[in-house]
Amino acid sequence: MKKRKLGKSNLEVSEIGLGCMGMSFSYGPAKDKKEMISLIHAAVERGVTFFDTAEVYGPFVNEELVGEALAPFRGKVVIATKFGWEANPDDGGKWNALNSRPEHIKQVAEDSLKRLKIDAIDLFYQHRVDLNVPIEDVAGAVKDLIQAGKVKHFGMSEAAAKTIRRAHAVQPVTALQSEYSLFWREPEETVMPTLEELGIGFVPFSPLGKGFLTGKINSDTKFDSTDFRNIVPRFSPENRKANQALVDMVSSFAARKKATPAQIALAWLLAKKPWIVPIPGTTKLARLEENLGAAKVELTADDVRDLEDASSKIKLEGDRYPAFHAQLVGR
């Protein structure tokens, strides 16, 4: 597995990381802890050095899982986690309230360090922009944590270009984590020129379109009752049926390249920019190996153009988020 640097920073990670959220949150019931620890170990053995989690995943249990699994590899892997959410007493204690006040950020850092069993957080993302707290104050709080040796790098997630600029002026932003794939290409216009200009790395989450680009989901697929995709407009049965055209296009391209649709989707991201590091998530060893195999798929500039030209002609149906989540992105 080759390495990549996230932008102009000195943060070097495997060119494909592992998103750990789905092991305990969002995509159906939490998986068996021992099995997930084995899967994380398998990722390390195959050269993955970049692991993504957040306090809100569970909440807390995903950080605990990642911390336990990666304890034997301390100093050899990079762990990214996130702050910015808290329990909402007005909504039955659900974790759907934003809080990026500096004192809260610093407390979250202390708690995450304990759960992750580490001395410093390698990459600390603001999970969503909190309009009640000036972004300069957020960046300043992370700068304090960096100066105290408790955090190494500052990241943002789903932030707008203008907000990234303001934060970067206070504390350099190492990476932006946002959704980006052949299923959601908006970042090419909204944030990527700014990232390139400022030397900020890009970490696409849902690089396989929340599983849709694998070709294993169709209009008849039934999701578990706890699966987040049940409330995503883009994943309604009728929209899945309409959007199948994109999967069919990627699948036919993959057949010509003797690769899988998932590998083409990831290889496309890797071919876009040398500072892009996708973090596909999985709970299955076979899928992990398939995803990592994307690093061996070489796409030429013509291949990238062909994929983009073909995908641009397909009208995708459905919003990528339900209303509550949609209002929190691009701010």
Protein backbone atom coordinates (compact mmCIF):
# COMPACT_ATOMS: atom_id res chain seq x y z
CA MET A 1 0.00 0.00 0.00
CA LYS A 2 1.47 3.33 -1.07
CA LYS A 3 1.35 6.41 1.14
CA ARG A 4 -0.05 9.87 0.49
CA LYS A 5 0.40 13.20 2.24
CA LEU A 6 -2.73 15.13 3.13
CA GLY A 7 -2.11 18.42 1.39
CA LYS A 8 0.96 20.43 2.40
CA SER A 9 0.96 18.93 5.89
CA ASN A 10 3.44 16.30 6.99
CA LEU A 11 0.58 13.87 7.76
CA GLU A 12 1.35 10.76 5.73
CA VAL A 13 -1.25 7.98 5.53
CA SER A 14 -2.04 4.91 3.45
CA GLU A 15 -3.64 5.90 0.13
CA ILE A 16 -6.84 4.14 1.20
CA GLY A 17 -8.03 4.40 4.79
CA LEU A 18 -10.75 2.57 6.73
CA GLY A 19 -13.94 4.22 7.90
CA CYS A 20 -14.99 2.44 11.09
CA MET A 21 -18.43 4.01 11.73
CA GLY A 22 -20.46 1.16 10.26
CA MET A 23 -18.92 -1.33 12.66
CA SER A 24 -21.06 0.03 15.47
CA PHE A 25 -23.43 2.67 14.11
CA SER A 26 -25.67 3.85 11.25
CA TYR A 27 -25.70 0.83 8.92
CA GLY A 28 -27.75 -1.62 10.97
CA PRO A 29 -27.00 -3.23 14.34
CA ALA A 30 -23.52 -3.03 15.85
CA LYS A 31 -21.31 -5.89 14.73
CA ASP A 32 -19.50 -8.37 16.97
CA LYS A 33 -16.62 -6.57 18.68
CA LYS A 34 -14.11 -9.42 18.37
CA GLU A 35 -14.85 -9.76 14.67
CA MET A 36 -14.39 -6.04 14.11
CA ILE A 37 -11.10 -6.01 16.00
CA SER A 38 -9.94 -8.85 13.75
CA LEU A 39 -11.01 -6.87 10.70
CA ILE A 40 -9.11 -3.77 11.85
CA HIS A 41 -6.04 -5.95 12.46
CA ALA A 42 -6.44 -7.40 8.96
CA ALA A 43 -6.47 -3.86 7.57
CA VAL A 44 -3.22 -3.03 9.38
CA GLU A 45 -1.63 -6.24 8.07
CA ARG A 46 -2.56 -5.17 4.53
CA GLY A 47 -0.92 -1.77 4.88
CA VAL A 48 -3.77 0.46 6.04
CA THR A 49 -2.48 3.13 8.43
CA PHE A 50 -5.43 5.57 8.45
CA PHE A 51 -8.51 4.88 10.60
CA ASP A 52 -11.58 7.08 11.02
CA THR A 53 -13.97 7.27 13.96
CA ALA A 54 -15.93 9.86 16.00
CA GLU A 55 -17.31 10.23 19.52
CA VAL A 56 -20.87 10.42 18.14
CA TYR A 57 -20.61 6.96 16.52
CA GLY A 58 -22.50 4.92 19.06
CA PRO A 59 -21.98 7.34 20.82
CA PHE A 60 -18.54 6.47 22.24
CA VAL A 61 -18.48 2.73 21.46
CA ASN A 62 -16.81 3.13 18.07
CA GLU A 63 -13.93 5.11 19.56
CA GLU A 64 -13.57 2.43 22.25
CA LEU A 65 -13.50 -0.29 19.58
CA VAL A 66 -10.89 1.53 17.48
CA GLY A 67 -8.82 2.30 20.56
CA GLU A 68 -8.75 -1.31 21.68
CA ALA A 69 -8.10 -2.68 18.19
CA LEU A 70 -5.22 -0.32 17.43
CA ALA A 71 -3.54 -0.34 20.84
CA PRO A 72 -0.88 -2.86 19.65
CA PHE A 73 0.02 -0.55 16.74
CA ARG A 74 0.36 2.74 18.60
CA GLY A 75 2.74 5.06 16.77
CA LYS A 76 2.40 3.11 13.51
CA VAL A 77 -1.11 4.19 12.56
CA VAL A 78 -3.03 7.46 12.23
CA ILE A 79 -6.37 7.80 14.02
CA ALA A 80 -8.83 10.53 13.08
CA THR A 81 -11.76 11.39 15.32
CA LYS A 82 -14.26 14.25 15.56
CA PHE A 83 -15.91 16.73 17.90
CA GLY A 84 -18.96 18.93 17.60
CA TRP A 85 -22.04 16.97 18.66
CA GLU A 86 -23.67 16.45 22.04
CA ALA A 87 -26.82 14.93 23.54
CA ASN A 88 -29.91 17.08 23.11
CA PRO A 89 -32.00 17.24 26.33
CA ASP A 90 -34.87 18.78 24.34
CA ASP A 91 -35.06 15.71 22.13
CA GLY A 92 -34.88 12.81 24.57
CA GLY A 93 -31.09 12.83 24.84
CA LYS A 94 -30.52 12.08 21.15
CA TRP A 95 -27.10 13.08 19.88
CA ASN A 96 -28.36 15.70 17.46
CA ALA A 97 -27.28 19.00 19.06
CA LEU A 98 -24.22 20.86 17.82
CA ASN A 99 -21.64 22.16 20.27
CA SER A 100 -18.28 23.53 19.13
CA ARG A 101 -17.68 25.85 22.07
CA PRO A 102 -13.97 25.89 22.92
CA GLU A 103 -14.42 24.45 26.42
CA HIS A 104 -16.51 21.60 24.96
CA ILE A 105 -13.92 20.86 22.26
CA LYS A 106 -11.21 20.58 24.90
CA GLN A 107 -13.30 18.24 27.06
CA VAL A 108 -14.12 16.05 24.06
CA ALA A 109 -10.40 15.81 23.28
CA GLU A 110 -9.64 14.59 26.82
CA ASP A 111 -12.42 12.00 26.67
CA SER A 112 -11.49 10.79 23.18
CA LEU A 113 -7.85 10.38 24.19
CA LYS A 114 -8.93 8.01 26.97
CA ARG A 115 -11.26 5.96 24.77
CA LEU A 116 -8.71 5.75 21.97
CA LYS A 117 -5.88 4.86 24.42
CA ILE A 118 -3.52 7.40 22.83
CA ASP A 119 -1.47 10.39 24.00
CA ALA A 120 -2.39 12.66 21.07
CA ILE A 121 -5.16 12.70 18.48
CA ASP A 122 -3.55 12.53 15.04
CA LEU A 123 -6.37 14.36 13.22
CA PHE A 124 -9.22 16.12 15.03
CA TYR A 125 -12.12 17.15 12.81
CA GLN A 126 -14.95 19.55 13.53
CA HIS A 127 -17.78 17.17 12.59
CA ARG A 128 -20.19 19.89 11.41
CA VAL A 129 -19.88 23.68 11.36
CA ASP A 130 -21.64 25.21 14.40
CA LEU A 131 -23.06 28.61 13.42
CA ASN A 132 -23.37 29.57 17.09
CA VAL A 133 -19.58 29.58 17.52
CA PRO A 134 -17.27 31.71 15.33
CA ILE A 135 -15.05 29.35 13.33
CA GLU A 136 -12.04 31.40 14.48
CA ASP A 137 -12.83 30.35 18.07
CA VAL A 138 -13.08 26.70 17.01
CA ALA A 139 -9.75 26.85 15.17
CA GLY A 140 -8.24 28.66 18.15
CA ALA A 141 -9.35 25.92 20.54
CA VAL A 142 -7.79 23.24 18.35
CA LYS A 143 -4.64 25.36 18.06
CA ASP A 144 -4.45 25.38 21.87
CA LEU A 145 -4.78 21.58 21.89
CA ILE A 146 -2.03 21.27 19.29
CA GLN A 147 0.27 23.52 21.31
CA ALA A 148 -0.51 21.39 24.39
CA GLY A 149 0.51 18.24 22.47
CA LYS A 150 -2.94 16.66 22.70
CA VAL A 151 -3.79 17.02 18.99
CA LYS A 152 -1.48 16.89 15.97
CA HIS A 153 -3.66 18.08 13.08
CA PHE A 154 -6.89 20.07 12.60
CA GLY A 155 -9.59 18.93 10.20
CA MET A 156 -13.06 20.03 9.13
CA SER A 157 -16.02 18.09 7.77
CA GLU A 158 -18.68 19.17 5.27
CA ALA A 159 -17.60 22.82 5.61
CA ALA A 160 -17.97 25.53 2.97
CA ALA A 161 -14.92 27.00 1.24
CA LYS A 162 -15.30 30.42 2.89
CA THR A 163 -15.47 28.81 6.35
CA ILE A 164 -12.41 26.68 5.63
CA ARG A 165 -10.49 29.84 4.66
CA ARG A 166 -11.40 31.60 7.89
CA ALA A 167 -10.39 28.60 10.01
CA HIS A 168 -7.17 28.05 8.05
CA ALA A 169 -6.08 31.63 8.78
CA VAL A 170 -6.09 30.84 12.53
CA GLN A 171 -4.88 27.22 12.51
CA PRO A 172 -3.84 25.50 9.28
CA VAL A 173 -6.41 22.90 8.24
CA THR A 174 -4.76 19.60 7.33
CA ALA A 175 -7.77 17.87 5.78
CA LEU A 176 -11.40 18.30 4.83
CA GLN A 177 -13.62 15.25 5.18
CA SER A 178 -16.77 15.41 3.07
CA GLU A 179 -18.88 13.12 0.94
CA TYR A 180 -17.43 12.70 -2.54
CA SER A 181 -17.87 9.97 -5.13
CA LEU A 182 -19.19 9.37 -8.63
CA PHE A 183 -22.58 9.43 -6.86
CA TRP A 184 -21.94 12.94 -5.40
CA ARG A 185 -19.55 15.19 -7.33
CA GLU A 186 -20.55 18.62 -6.00
CA PRO A 187 -17.23 19.13 -4.09
CA GLU A 188 -15.42 19.51 -7.42
CA GLU A 189 -17.08 22.90 -7.80
CA THR A 190 -17.63 23.99 -4.21
CA VAL A 191 -14.49 23.15 -2.22
CA MET A 192 -11.76 21.39 -4.20
CA PRO A 193 -10.30 24.54 -5.84
CA THR A 194 -9.93 26.07 -2.35
CA LEU A 195 -8.33 22.89 -0.97
CA GLU A 196 -5.82 22.86 -3.81
CA GLU A 197 -5.02 26.55 -3.37
CA LEU A 198 -4.47 26.27 0.39
CA GLY A 199 -2.73 22.88 0.33
CA ILE A 200 -5.40 21.00 2.28
CA GLY A 201 -5.94 17.27 1.86
CA PHE A 202 -9.34 15.77 1.00
CA VAL A 203 -10.71 12.67 2.74
CA PRO A 204 -13.88 11.52 0.94
CA PHE A 205 -16.33 9.61 3.10
CA SER A 206 -18.97 7.41 1.46
CA PRO A 207 -16.61 7.04 -1.54
CA LEU A 208 -18.80 4.13 -2.67
CA GLY A 209 -22.00 6.16 -2.43
CA LYS A 210 -23.07 4.54 0.89
CA GLY A 211 -22.67 1.16 -0.81
CA PHE A 212 -24.65 2.00 -3.94
CA LEU A 213 -21.63 2.02 -6.27
CA THR A 214 -20.69 -1.55 -5.32
CA GLY A 215 -23.52 -2.83 -7.49
CA LYS A 216 -24.83 -4.91 -4.59
CA ILE A 217 -27.87 -2.68 -3.91
CA ASN A 218 -30.94 -2.35 -6.13
CA SER A 219 -34.53 -1.12 -5.86
CA ASP A 220 -35.56 -4.39 -4.15
CA THR A 221 -32.90 -4.24 -1.41
CA LYS A 222 -34.37 -4.10 2.10
CA PHE A 223 -32.33 -2.26 4.74
CA ASP A 224 -32.36 -3.06 8.44
CA SER A 225 -34.74 -0.88 10.46
CA THR A 226 -31.76 0.86 12.11
CA ASP A 227 -30.03 1.60 8.78
CA PHE A 228 -29.59 5.32 8.11
CA ARG A 229 -30.26 4.81 4.40
CA ASN A 230 -33.96 4.25 5.15
CA ILE A 231 -34.36 8.02 5.61
CA VAL A 232 -32.04 9.14 2.79
CA PRO A 233 -34.14 10.39 -0.16
CA ARG A 234 -31.57 9.15 -2.68
CA PHE A 235 -32.15 5.62 -1.35
CA SER A 236 -35.92 5.43 -1.73
CA PRO A 237 -36.84 2.38 -3.89
CA GLU A 238 -37.95 4.57 -6.81
CA ASN A 239 -34.79 6.69 -6.69
CA ARG A 240 -32.59 3.62 -6.46
CA LYS A 241 -34.30 2.33 -9.58
CA ALA A 242 -33.70 5.61 -11.41
CA ASN A 243 -30.08 5.85 -10.22
CA GLN A 244 -29.27 2.29 -11.29
CA ALA A 245 -28.12 3.77 -14.60
CA LEU A 246 -24.99 5.11 -12.88
CA VAL A 247 -24.16 1.71 -11.38
CA ASP A 248 -24.70 0.05 -14.77
CA MET A 249 -22.28 2.50 -16.38
CA VAL A 250 -19.61 1.96 -13.71
CA SER A 251 -20.12 -1.82 -13.88
CA SER A 252 -19.61 -1.94 -17.66
CA PHE A 253 -16.47 0.20 -17.31
CA ALA A 254 -15.24 -2.13 -14.54
CA ALA A 255 -15.75 -5.20 -16.72
CA ARG A 256 -13.50 -3.69 -19.38
CA LYS A 257 -10.83 -3.00 -16.76
CA LYS A 258 -11.20 -6.46 -15.17
CA ALA A 259 -12.07 -4.80 -11.85
CA THR A 260 -15.16 -4.51 -9.68
CA PRO A 261 -17.46 -1.45 -9.66
CA ALA A 262 -16.26 -0.58 -6.15
CA GLN A 263 -12.63 -0.70 -7.27
CA ILE A 264 -13.35 1.62 -10.20
CA ALA A 265 -15.18 4.09 -7.94
CA LEU A 266 -12.19 4.19 -5.56
CA ALA A 267 -9.56 4.19 -8.32
CA TRP A 268 -11.31 7.20 -9.86
CA LEU A 269 -10.88 9.13 -6.58
CA LEU A 270 -7.22 8.12 -6.32
CA ALA A 271 -6.62 9.27 -9.90
CA LYS A 272 -8.26 12.67 -9.35
CA LYS A 273 -5.65 14.26 -7.06
CA PRO A 274 -2.58 12.98 -5.16
CA TRP A 275 -3.93 14.62 -1.97
CA ILE A 276 -7.21 12.66 -1.93
CA VAL A 277 -7.46 9.70 0.49
CA PRO A 278 -10.82 7.86 0.48
CA ILE A 279 -12.00 6.02 3.59
CA PRO A 280 -14.43 3.29 2.52
CA GLY A 281 -16.04 1.47 5.42
CA THR A 282 -16.85 -2.21 5.65
CA THR A 283 -17.51 -4.94 8.18
CA LYS A 284 -16.41 -7.82 5.91
CA LEU A 285 -12.91 -9.06 5.14
CA ALA A 286 -13.73 -9.84 1.50
CA ARG A 287 -14.96 -6.28 0.98
CA LEU A 288 -11.89 -4.86 2.71
CA GLU A 289 -9.65 -6.80 0.33
CA GLU A 290 -11.75 -5.75 -2.66
CA ASN A 291 -11.56 -2.08 -1.66
CA LEU A 292 -7.82 -2.16 -1.07
CA GLY A 293 -7.44 -3.81 -4.48
CA ALA A 294 -8.50 -0.48 -5.99
CA ALA A 295 -4.98 0.80 -5.33
CA LYS A 296 -3.74 -1.58 -8.05
CA VAL A 297 -6.25 -0.36 -10.65
CA GLU A 298 -4.56 2.24 -12.84
CA LEU A 299 -6.84 4.73 -14.56
CA THR A 300 -5.45 6.95 -17.31
CA ALA A 301 -6.50 10.57 -17.78
CA ASP A 302 -8.70 9.33 -20.63
CA ASP A 303 -10.32 6.76 -18.32
CA VAL A 304 -11.10 9.46 -15.76
CA ARG A 305 -12.56 11.71 -18.44
CA ASP A 306 -14.66 8.87 -19.89
CA LEU A 307 -16.10 8.05 -16.45
CA GLU A 308 -16.90 11.68 -15.76
CA ASP A 309 -18.41 12.35 -19.17
CA ALA A 310 -20.65 9.28 -18.85
CA SER A 311 -21.69 10.02 -15.27
CA SER A 312 -22.43 13.68 -16.10
CA LYS A 313 -25.06 12.54 -18.60
CA ILE A 314 -26.98 10.56 -15.96
CA LYS A 315 -29.53 12.55 -13.95
CA LEU A 316 -29.39 11.34 -10.35
CA GLU A 317 -32.60 11.41 -8.35
CA GLY A 318 -33.07 12.24 -4.66
CA ASP A 319 -31.27 14.41 -2.12
CA ARG A 320 -28.22 12.91 -0.44
CA TYR A 321 -29.50 13.81 3.05
CA PRO A 322 -32.87 14.20 4.78
CA ALA A 323 -33.75 17.79 5.68
CA PHE A 324 -32.19 17.91 9.18
CA HIS A 325 -28.79 16.69 7.99
CA ALA A 326 -28.91 18.68 4.75
CA GLN A 327 -29.08 21.99 6.64
CA LEU A 328 -25.82 21.20 8.45
CA VAL A 329 -23.58 20.79 5.38
CA GLY A 330 -21.85 23.37 3.25
CA ARG A 331 -21.89 26.09 5.95
